[in-house]
Amino acid sequence: MPDHILSSATMQTIPNELLLNIFGFLDAPRTSTLDLINEPNFKLTHAAVADLKAVSLVSRQWRRAILPQLFKHARIIVPQPEGIGSPLKKKITPFLDFVAQHTLKHYIASLVLLVEEGKTAHNQPGHAAPDEVATLWEALFNVIDLTDLLIVAPAEILGILTSCRIYMGDAWVFDCPYHYLRLQRPRLSGAEFADNTVLPAQNLNGKSSLGVSGLPTDDGSGISSATARSASPLFAIRPWTSLLLNEGSFIKAYTTYEYWLRRAPSILPGLLGAEDAERNQQYPLICPTIRDMSYIGIFPTASHFAAMTMHFPMLDRVYVQFVPRNDILNDPDKVARVETGDLWMERNSCYALLMRELFNSPPVMNFKHLRVFESGDAADRDAWSMAVEYIRRVDNGWKVAGDGVFERDPGYLTRNPHEGDEVGFSMGGSLIRCAFAGTTQLPVSPYPMYDQPMGPAN
């Protein structure tokens, strides 16, 4: 190649397609998915290294080339909303205009919506905008056909965004300022789901509820409540298949008298229909397409987690985690005036509630559809040894597949139908895998709490 051609070649002459390929080597795993199992933090999306952003500042050409990668995993930060009267839709409109202007909607794979802690509708009950939630999600999904949405927000605002009832009377007892809610679904083909199509939320009469009045407001009872609506616009707007809810730490509540009576500010009861059960209306907001659910809470009380076992949705897989992976228990500010034995007793009570349902024979309610149970916690060795001994004595299709792992032959339940099952009815959807993160010796053993959790021995 002639020398004069080589000398004239610069980075500015490289085609955008080749630049994009080169810049791809600077891409790093998104930080928003690396720490979802720990205590929620508003700085979840902050990264110490931002090479792609640095490259985008070099020149206009480089910025044009790198924009699709730069916004592959996007985020919107809403700083300290002063009441819900300031429409969230207006706050995200500049971002949506930017996406449309630069034709980025097909490149955005995920979005993180971060709403900073501030004054909310509970503090200013007269400032609620009736159509804000429905129009917010409609505006967002008309521009971006999201398959991965993560919301980082205070519990009350999360309740507003999901149209869930939130009890705020005991909120002062709990010390986790933010919760995580992540919704995912597979990207469908054009034939299955037209891009930018918004699914209407359906009420019991089959009529669309998008755009109707329905923002939660405070009725003076400490409950941030939604008006009559059987479906949440967020859950109805797309056929979500996976849900993660991280409610953070419950530890501060253990410093109060009769902590087990405290009601956490949480969307969990509303998602499962437990909140409306008091009014004889058991309409869960979680959409039926969700078959994979993860619940994370740091030492939740059994009275709170009971909503999960009493109103269990129809799932194929469930993941739970009650023990922190970090060193929060070594933080003197976190555990001051806390009887640590109470933490472990409540943790054990949560698992006792689950185990009795998971290994009920035959399984009842929606537990009969569950196929996989996974825990991010280690099982107590005492309880594990008891369960293993039972497995060895009883022929129920289960076997020990590893430390903290049970597996059952999927064909066992079909070959051995339970007494009372209808002719031809297959229990093949019942639990076939139960897995903990190994085994360990806990400070407080759950052994006395498991009253034959896997059924009576023959």
Protein backbone atom coordinates (compact mmCIF):
# COMPACT_ATOMS: atom_id res chain seq x y z
CA MET A 1 0.00 0.00 0.00
CA PRO A 2 1.43 3.44 -0.93
CA ASP A 3 2.95 5.39 1.95
CA HIS A 4 0.84 8.49 1.26
CA ILE A 5 -2.35 6.44 1.79
CA LEU A 6 -1.09 4.96 5.06
CA SER A 7 -0.04 8.37 6.35
CA SER A 8 -3.48 9.86 5.64
CA ALA A 9 -5.39 7.15 7.54
CA THR A 10 -6.65 8.41 10.91
CA MET A 11 -9.29 7.44 13.44
CA GLN A 12 -11.54 10.07 11.87
CA THR A 13 -11.53 8.17 8.56
CA ILE A 14 -12.60 4.85 10.07
CA PRO A 15 -16.24 4.00 9.24
CA ASN A 16 -18.75 4.18 12.09
CA GLU A 17 -19.48 0.46 11.80
CA LEU A 18 -15.82 -0.38 12.45
CA LEU A 19 -15.63 2.17 15.26
CA LEU A 20 -18.66 0.57 16.88
CA ASN A 21 -16.95 -2.81 16.72
CA ILE A 22 -13.78 -1.40 18.30
CA PHE A 23 -15.67 0.38 21.06
CA GLY A 24 -17.47 -2.85 21.83
CA PHE A 25 -14.33 -4.07 23.58
CA LEU A 26 -14.79 -1.28 26.14
CA ASP A 27 -18.26 -2.47 27.09
CA ALA A 28 -18.52 -3.82 30.64
CA PRO A 29 -21.24 -5.71 32.54
CA ARG A 30 -23.92 -3.31 33.74
CA THR A 31 -23.64 -2.53 37.41
CA SER A 32 -27.41 -2.57 37.95
CA THR A 33 -27.54 -6.38 37.84
CA LEU A 34 -24.46 -7.10 39.96
CA ASP A 35 -25.84 -6.17 43.36
CA LEU A 36 -29.58 -6.81 43.27
CA ILE A 37 -29.46 -9.30 46.14
CA ASN A 38 -27.99 -6.87 48.67
CA GLU A 39 -29.56 -3.96 50.52
CA PRO A 40 -31.07 -1.57 47.92
CA ASN A 41 -28.97 1.48 47.18
CA PHE A 42 -29.81 4.54 45.08
CA LYS A 43 -26.25 4.44 43.68
CA LEU A 44 -26.80 1.00 42.18
CA THR A 45 -26.09 2.22 38.63
CA HIS A 46 -22.98 4.23 39.49
CA ALA A 47 -19.80 2.84 37.97
CA ALA A 48 -16.24 3.66 38.95
CA VAL A 49 -15.11 3.23 35.35
CA ALA A 50 -17.09 4.75 32.46
CA ASP A 51 -14.96 4.14 29.40
CA LEU A 52 -17.83 4.36 26.92
CA LYS A 53 -18.87 7.75 28.29
CA ALA A 54 -15.29 8.99 28.06
CA VAL A 55 -15.02 7.85 24.44
CA SER A 56 -18.27 9.63 23.57
CA LEU A 57 -16.68 12.96 24.60
CA VAL A 58 -13.75 12.72 22.16
CA SER A 59 -15.56 13.93 19.05
CA ARG A 60 -18.99 14.23 17.48
CA GLN A 61 -18.20 11.36 15.13
CA TRP A 62 -17.29 9.06 17.97
CA ARG A 63 -20.37 10.07 19.92
CA ARG A 64 -22.64 9.31 16.96
CA ALA A 65 -20.95 5.95 16.54
CA ILE A 66 -21.13 4.97 20.18
CA LEU A 67 -24.65 6.19 21.04
CA PRO A 68 -26.31 2.78 20.49
CA GLN A 69 -23.88 1.13 22.92
CA LEU A 70 -23.93 4.06 25.31
CA PHE A 71 -27.70 3.75 25.78
CA LYS A 72 -27.99 -0.01 25.55
CA HIS A 73 -28.61 -0.03 29.30
CA ALA A 74 -30.23 3.31 30.01
CA ARG A 75 -31.29 5.01 33.21
CA ILE A 76 -33.59 7.86 34.20
CA ILE A 77 -32.98 9.64 37.49
CA VAL A 78 -35.88 11.54 39.04
CA PRO A 79 -34.40 13.78 41.78
CA GLN A 80 -36.43 14.33 44.97
CA PRO A 81 -40.01 14.62 43.70
CA GLU A 82 -41.95 17.19 45.71
CA GLY A 83 -45.32 15.50 45.71
CA ILE A 84 -46.85 13.47 42.92
CA GLY A 85 -48.52 16.60 41.59
CA SER A 86 -45.37 17.25 39.54
CA PRO A 87 -46.08 14.68 36.82
CA LEU A 88 -43.42 12.05 36.41
CA LYS A 89 -44.32 11.93 32.74
CA LYS A 90 -42.92 15.45 32.32
CA LYS A 91 -39.73 14.40 34.06
CA ILE A 92 -39.05 11.55 31.63
CA THR A 93 -40.23 13.38 28.49
CA PRO A 94 -36.77 14.88 27.69
CA PHE A 95 -35.25 11.40 27.75
CA LEU A 96 -38.01 9.99 25.53
CA ASP A 97 -37.56 12.88 23.09
CA PHE A 98 -33.82 12.18 22.99
CA VAL A 99 -34.45 8.48 22.25
CA ALA A 100 -36.84 9.33 19.42
CA GLN A 101 -34.55 12.01 17.98
CA HIS A 102 -31.57 9.65 17.78
CA THR A 103 -33.59 6.54 16.83
CA LEU A 104 -32.34 4.59 19.84
CA LYS A 105 -35.49 2.69 20.78
CA HIS A 106 -34.36 -0.53 19.09
CA TYR A 107 -30.98 -0.41 20.85
CA ILE A 108 -32.19 0.03 24.43
CA ALA A 109 -32.18 -3.41 26.06
CA SER A 110 -32.93 -2.33 29.61
CA LEU A 111 -33.94 0.68 31.63
CA VAL A 112 -33.42 1.64 35.28
CA LEU A 113 -35.85 4.21 36.69
CA LEU A 114 -34.47 5.75 39.88
CA VAL A 115 -36.76 7.95 41.97
CA GLU A 116 -34.93 9.74 44.75
CA GLU A 117 -36.38 9.82 48.24
CA GLY A 118 -38.39 12.98 48.91
CA LYS A 119 -41.86 14.27 49.62
CA THR A 120 -44.58 11.98 48.31
CA ALA A 121 -48.34 11.72 48.07
CA HIS A 122 -48.46 10.46 51.67
CA ASN A 123 -46.93 13.70 52.87
CA GLN A 124 -49.07 15.84 50.58
CA PRO A 125 -52.35 13.95 50.08
CA GLY A 126 -53.95 16.74 48.11
CA HIS A 127 -51.37 16.74 45.33
CA ALA A 128 -52.20 13.49 43.53
CA ALA A 129 -52.65 13.53 39.76
CA PRO A 130 -55.31 10.92 38.83
CA ASP A 131 -53.95 9.80 35.47
CA GLU A 132 -50.23 10.07 36.13
CA VAL A 133 -49.39 6.39 36.55
CA ALA A 134 -51.26 5.18 33.48
CA THR A 135 -49.99 7.98 31.25
CA LEU A 136 -46.44 7.55 32.55
CA TRP A 137 -46.18 3.91 31.51
CA GLU A 138 -48.10 4.50 28.29
CA ALA A 139 -45.75 7.31 27.29
CA LEU A 140 -42.67 5.22 28.12
CA PHE A 141 -43.72 2.04 26.35
CA ASN A 142 -45.00 3.91 23.29
CA VAL A 143 -41.38 4.95 22.72
CA ILE A 144 -39.37 2.00 24.09
CA ASP A 145 -40.51 -1.63 23.92
CA LEU A 146 -38.73 -2.60 27.14
CA THR A 147 -37.98 -6.21 28.02
CA ASP A 148 -36.09 -5.39 31.22
CA LEU A 149 -37.26 -2.69 33.64
CA LEU A 150 -35.75 -2.01 37.07
CA ILE A 151 -37.32 0.52 39.44
CA VAL A 152 -35.33 1.88 42.38
CA ALA A 153 -37.63 3.90 44.60
CA PRO A 154 -38.90 4.40 48.16
CA ALA A 155 -41.59 1.90 49.10
CA GLU A 156 -44.42 4.40 48.92
CA ILE A 157 -43.47 5.68 45.48
CA LEU A 158 -43.04 2.10 44.30
CA GLY A 159 -46.60 1.50 45.51
CA ILE A 160 -47.80 4.48 43.48
CA LEU A 161 -45.99 3.31 40.34
CA THR A 162 -47.48 -0.19 40.64
CA SER A 163 -50.93 0.88 41.90
CA CYS A 164 -50.40 -1.19 45.05
CA ARG A 165 -51.81 -0.31 48.45
CA ILE A 166 -49.07 0.64 50.90
CA TYR A 167 -49.54 0.81 54.66
CA MET A 168 -47.40 3.67 55.95
CA GLY A 169 -48.44 3.75 59.60
CA ASP A 170 -45.30 1.92 60.76
CA ALA A 171 -42.93 3.22 58.08
CA TRP A 172 -40.84 5.08 60.67
CA VAL A 173 -39.79 1.72 62.17
CA PHE A 174 -38.10 0.49 58.98
CA ASP A 175 -34.75 1.75 57.76
CA CYS A 176 -34.51 0.74 54.10
CA PRO A 177 -35.10 3.95 52.11
CA TYR A 178 -35.27 2.19 48.72
CA HIS A 179 -36.74 -1.00 47.28
CA TYR A 180 -35.99 -2.75 43.98
CA LEU A 181 -38.61 -4.01 41.57
CA ARG A 182 -37.38 -5.69 38.41
CA LEU A 183 -39.64 -6.94 35.62
CA GLN A 184 -38.41 -8.97 32.66
CA ARG A 185 -39.84 -10.71 29.62
CA PRO A 186 -38.44 -12.28 26.45
CA ARG A 187 -38.36 -10.10 23.37
CA LEU A 188 -41.13 -11.30 21.09
CA SER A 189 -41.07 -11.32 17.31
CA GLY A 190 -43.06 -8.84 15.30
CA ALA A 191 -45.69 -11.45 14.54
CA GLU A 192 -46.18 -12.17 18.24
CA PHE A 193 -46.07 -8.66 19.55
CA ALA A 194 -45.99 -5.51 17.42
CA ASP A 195 -43.31 -3.07 18.45
CA ASN A 196 -44.65 -0.06 20.42
CA THR A 197 -47.98 -1.77 21.05
CA VAL A 198 -49.44 -0.99 24.46
CA LEU A 199 -51.56 -3.66 26.10
CA PRO A 200 -54.58 -2.22 27.93
CA ALA A 201 -55.00 -3.01 31.60
CA GLN A 202 -58.13 -5.13 32.02
CA ASN A 203 -60.61 -4.78 34.84
CA LEU A 204 -63.11 -7.46 35.84
CA ASN A 205 -65.55 -6.36 33.17
CA GLY A 206 -62.94 -6.68 30.47
CA LYS A 207 -62.78 -2.92 29.89
CA SER A 208 -59.57 -1.00 29.54
CA SER A 209 -58.49 0.78 32.70
CA LEU A 210 -55.60 2.76 31.20
CA GLY A 211 -56.17 6.43 31.55
CA VAL A 212 -58.81 6.15 34.28
CA SER A 213 -58.47 7.75 37.68
CA GLY A 214 -56.43 5.49 39.89
CA LEU A 215 -53.48 7.07 41.65
CA PRO A 216 -53.07 5.97 45.23
CA THR A 217 -53.90 8.68 47.75
CA ASP A 218 -53.84 8.81 51.53
CA ASP A 219 -57.26 8.30 53.12
CA GLY A 220 -56.03 9.29 56.59
CA SER A 221 -55.73 5.72 57.84
CA GLY A 222 -52.03 5.42 57.07
CA ILE A 223 -52.76 3.43 53.89
CA SER A 224 -51.79 4.84 50.53
CA SER A 225 -54.68 3.39 48.55
CA ALA A 226 -55.65 3.16 44.90
CA THR A 227 -59.13 3.73 43.59
CA ALA A 228 -61.12 0.75 42.34
CA ARG A 229 -59.03 -1.03 39.75
CA SER A 230 -58.30 -4.71 39.36
CA ALA A 231 -55.12 -4.41 37.32
CA SER A 232 -52.00 -2.29 37.53
CA PRO A 233 -51.10 -0.45 34.30
CA LEU A 234 -47.47 -1.43 34.79
CA PHE A 235 -48.23 -5.14 35.05
CA ALA A 236 -50.81 -5.07 32.27
CA ILE A 237 -48.80 -3.08 29.76
CA ARG A 238 -46.53 -6.00 28.79
CA PRO A 239 -46.62 -9.78 29.31
CA TRP A 240 -43.91 -9.88 31.99
CA THR A 241 -42.58 -13.34 32.82
CA SER A 242 -40.12 -12.65 35.66
CA LEU A 243 -40.32 -10.47 38.78
CA LEU A 244 -37.76 -9.59 41.45
CA LEU A 245 -38.66 -7.68 44.61
CA ASN A 246 -35.96 -6.64 47.07
CA GLU A 247 -37.34 -4.91 50.16
CA GLY A 248 -34.04 -4.50 51.94
CA SER A 249 -33.49 -4.57 55.68
CA PHE A 250 -36.15 -5.15 58.34
CA ILE A 251 -33.57 -5.05 61.16
CA LYS A 252 -34.56 -1.67 62.64
CA ALA A 253 -38.08 -2.97 63.38
CA TYR A 254 -36.57 -5.50 65.80
CA THR A 255 -35.58 -2.64 68.12
CA THR A 256 -39.23 -1.86 68.87
CA TYR A 257 -41.69 -3.40 71.30
CA GLU A 258 -43.71 -6.27 69.75
CA TYR A 259 -41.82 -5.97 66.47
CA TRP A 260 -43.80 -8.84 64.97
CA LEU A 261 -46.90 -6.61 64.92
CA ARG A 262 -45.21 -3.91 62.83
CA ARG A 263 -46.38 -3.68 59.23
CA ALA A 264 -43.64 -2.98 56.73
CA PRO A 265 -44.21 -0.45 53.94
CA SER A 266 -44.36 -2.98 51.14
CA ILE A 267 -46.01 -3.70 47.81
CA LEU A 268 -45.85 -7.47 48.48
CA PRO A 269 -49.38 -7.80 49.99
CA GLY A 270 -50.85 -5.75 47.14
CA LEU A 271 -49.04 -7.75 44.47
CA LEU A 272 -50.37 -11.01 45.87
CA GLY A 273 -53.88 -9.81 46.73
CA ALA A 274 -53.35 -10.17 50.48
CA GLU A 275 -54.16 -6.52 51.24
CA ASP A 276 -57.56 -6.66 49.57
CA ALA A 277 -58.39 -9.93 51.29
CA GLU A 278 -59.45 -7.89 54.31
CA ARG A 279 -62.21 -6.45 52.13
CA ASN A 280 -63.12 -9.83 50.66
CA GLN A 281 -61.50 -8.83 47.35
CA GLN A 282 -58.61 -11.12 46.52
CA TYR A 283 -57.41 -9.64 43.24
CA PRO A 284 -53.62 -9.94 42.93
CA LEU A 285 -51.99 -7.26 40.81
CA ILE A 286 -49.17 -9.54 39.68
CA CYS A 287 -49.94 -10.57 36.11
CA PRO A 288 -50.55 -14.28 35.42
CA THR A 289 -47.77 -14.42 32.80
CA ILE A 290 -45.16 -14.07 35.57
CA ARG A 291 -43.92 -17.60 36.30
CA ASP A 292 -40.55 -16.77 37.89
CA MET A 293 -40.42 -14.72 41.10
CA SER A 294 -37.57 -13.70 43.40
CA TYR A 295 -38.18 -12.24 46.84
CA ILE A 296 -35.33 -10.74 48.86
CA GLY A 297 -35.66 -9.24 52.32
CA ILE A 298 -33.07 -8.98 55.08
CA PHE A 299 -34.62 -10.77 58.06
CA PRO A 300 -38.28 -10.08 57.26
CA THR A 301 -40.75 -10.95 60.01
CA ALA A 302 -42.73 -14.13 59.51
CA SER A 303 -45.97 -12.15 59.84
CA HIS A 304 -44.95 -10.14 56.77
CA PHE A 305 -43.68 -13.05 54.70
CA ALA A 306 -46.83 -15.05 55.48
CA ALA A 307 -48.53 -13.13 52.67
CA MET A 308 -46.28 -15.01 50.26
CA THR A 309 -47.26 -18.45 51.52
CA MET A 310 -50.96 -17.69 52.05
CA HIS A 311 -51.42 -16.02 48.66
CA PHE A 312 -48.80 -17.83 46.62
CA PRO A 313 -49.07 -16.97 42.89
CA MET A 314 -48.98 -19.56 40.12
CA LEU A 315 -45.23 -19.91 39.53
CA ASP A 316 -42.83 -22.37 37.93
CA ARG A 317 -39.87 -21.10 39.98
CA VAL A 318 -39.43 -19.10 43.16
CA TYR A 319 -36.25 -17.73 44.75
CA VAL A 320 -36.04 -16.37 48.30
CA GLN A 321 -33.26 -14.84 50.36
CA PHE A 322 -33.53 -13.66 53.97
CA VAL A 323 -29.88 -13.44 55.08
CA PRO A 324 -27.54 -10.68 53.85
CA ARG A 325 -24.49 -11.57 51.78
CA ASN A 326 -22.55 -8.55 53.06
CA ASP A 327 -21.32 -7.68 56.56
CA ILE A 328 -24.40 -5.76 57.70
CA LEU A 329 -24.59 -7.83 60.90
CA ASN A 330 -21.16 -6.50 61.85
CA ASP A 331 -22.32 -2.90 61.57
CA PRO A 332 -22.88 -1.63 65.13
CA ASP A 333 -25.23 1.08 63.90
CA LYS A 334 -27.46 -1.51 62.22
CA VAL A 335 -27.73 -4.01 65.06
CA ALA A 336 -27.68 -1.64 68.05
CA ARG A 337 -30.41 -2.60 70.56
CA VAL A 338 -31.29 -5.67 68.46
CA GLU A 339 -31.55 -9.12 70.01
CA THR A 340 -29.84 -11.05 67.22
CA GLY A 341 -31.56 -14.27 68.27
CA ASP A 342 -34.85 -12.67 67.18
CA LEU A 343 -33.47 -12.14 63.68
CA TRP A 344 -32.64 -15.81 63.25
CA MET A 345 -35.88 -17.02 64.84
CA GLU A 346 -37.93 -14.96 62.37
CA ARG A 347 -35.75 -16.18 59.53
CA ASN A 348 -36.39 -19.75 60.63
CA SER A 349 -40.12 -19.08 60.94
CA CYS A 350 -40.24 -17.83 57.34
CA TYR A 351 -38.65 -21.04 56.13
CA ALA A 352 -40.93 -23.13 58.32
CA LEU A 353 -43.93 -21.52 56.59
CA LEU A 354 -42.43 -22.33 53.20
CA MET A 355 -41.30 -25.86 53.90
CA ARG A 356 -44.71 -26.97 55.19
CA GLU A 357 -46.27 -25.83 51.93
CA LEU A 358 -43.53 -26.97 49.57
CA PHE A 359 -43.52 -30.53 50.90
CA ASN A 360 -47.20 -30.82 51.71
CA SER A 361 -48.57 -34.12 50.41
CA PRO A 362 -50.40 -33.54 48.18
CA PRO A 363 -49.40 -29.93 47.47
CA VAL A 364 -52.27 -27.46 47.71
CA MET A 365 -53.21 -24.13 46.17
CA ASN A 366 -50.72 -22.81 43.63
CA PHE A 367 -47.88 -24.73 45.27
CA LYS A 368 -48.94 -27.70 43.16
CA HIS A 369 -47.72 -25.83 40.06
CA LEU A 370 -44.29 -24.94 41.45
CA ARG A 371 -41.39 -26.85 39.90
CA VAL A 372 -38.26 -25.20 41.30
CA PHE A 373 -37.55 -23.66 44.71
CA GLU A 374 -34.19 -21.94 45.20
CA SER A 375 -32.80 -20.13 48.21
CA GLY A 376 -29.91 -17.72 48.36
CA ASP A 377 -29.37 -18.77 51.99
CA ALA A 378 -27.65 -21.81 53.40
CA ALA A 379 -29.84 -24.43 55.07
CA ASP A 380 -29.29 -25.17 58.74
CA ARG A 381 -27.39 -28.44 59.15
CA ASP A 382 -29.75 -29.69 61.86
CA ALA A 383 -32.86 -29.27 59.72
CA TRP A 384 -31.03 -30.56 56.64
CA SER A 385 -29.93 -33.73 58.41
CA MET A 386 -33.49 -34.33 59.57
CA ALA A 387 -34.81 -33.91 56.02
CA VAL A 388 -32.13 -36.18 54.56
CA GLU A 389 -32.97 -38.90 57.08
CA TYR A 390 -36.62 -38.68 56.11
CA ILE A 391 -35.74 -38.95 52.40
CA ARG A 392 -33.81 -42.14 53.08
CA ARG A 393 -36.76 -43.78 54.84
CA VAL A 394 -39.64 -42.76 52.58
CA ASP A 395 -40.16 -43.50 48.91
CA ASN A 396 -41.53 -40.20 47.61
CA GLY A 397 -39.37 -39.71 44.54
CA TRP A 398 -36.90 -37.35 46.25
CA LYS A 399 -33.15 -37.79 46.33
CA VAL A 400 -30.22 -35.75 47.67
CA ALA A 401 -28.53 -34.16 44.67
CA GLY A 402 -25.90 -32.20 46.59
CA ASP A 403 -25.23 -30.21 49.72
CA GLY A 404 -28.50 -28.37 50.32
CA VAL A 405 -30.15 -29.71 47.16
CA PHE A 406 -33.11 -32.09 46.76
CA GLU A 407 -34.34 -33.31 43.40
CA ARG A 408 -37.32 -35.46 42.53
CA ASP A 409 -37.93 -37.62 39.50
CA PRO A 410 -40.44 -35.61 37.42
CA GLY A 411 -42.16 -38.82 36.41
CA TYR A 412 -42.69 -39.99 39.99
CA LEU A 413 -45.86 -37.99 40.61
CA THR A 414 -47.33 -39.10 37.30
CA ARG A 415 -46.64 -42.76 38.09
CA ASN A 416 -47.83 -42.38 41.68
CA PRO A 417 -50.87 -40.06 41.73
CA HIS A 418 -52.02 -38.88 45.12
CA GLU A 419 -55.13 -40.35 46.62
CA GLY A 420 -58.15 -38.34 45.53
CA ASP A 421 -56.58 -37.09 42.30
CA GLU A 422 -58.90 -37.13 39.32
CA VAL A 423 -58.39 -39.90 36.79
CA GLY A 424 -55.79 -38.86 34.26
CA PHE A 425 -54.71 -35.87 36.35
CA SER A 426 -50.94 -35.41 36.27
CA MET A 427 -49.02 -33.85 39.13
CA GLY A 428 -46.00 -33.45 36.88
CA GLY A 429 -45.93 -29.72 37.61
CA SER A 430 -45.26 -30.24 41.30
CA LEU A 431 -41.97 -29.38 42.97
CA ILE A 432 -39.04 -31.32 41.49
CA ARG A 433 -36.06 -29.28 42.73
CA CYS A 434 -35.40 -27.69 46.12
CA ALA A 435 -32.01 -26.00 46.47
CA PHE A 436 -30.29 -24.02 49.22
CA ALA A 437 -26.88 -22.36 49.03
CA GLY A 438 -25.25 -25.26 50.82
CA THR A 439 -25.60 -25.93 54.56
CA THR A 440 -24.30 -24.18 57.65
CA GLN A 441 -24.67 -24.03 61.40
CA LEU A 442 -26.99 -21.18 62.30
CA PRO A 443 -26.83 -19.24 65.59
CA VAL A 444 -30.40 -20.36 66.30
CA SER A 445 -31.38 -23.81 65.07
CA PRO A 446 -34.71 -24.19 63.30
CA TYR A 447 -34.85 -27.89 64.19
CA PRO A 448 -37.66 -27.59 66.78
CA MET A 449 -39.79 -25.51 64.37
CA TYR A 450 -40.03 -28.07 61.59
CA ASP A 451 -42.81 -30.37 62.71
CA GLN A 452 -42.24 -33.07 60.10
CA PRO A 453 -42.02 -30.48 57.27
CA MET A 454 -41.87 -33.17 54.61
CA GLY A 455 -44.88 -35.08 55.87
CA PRO A 456 -45.26 -37.93 58.35
CA ALA A 457 -43.03 -40.96 57.98
CA ASN A 458 -44.71 -44.21 56.96
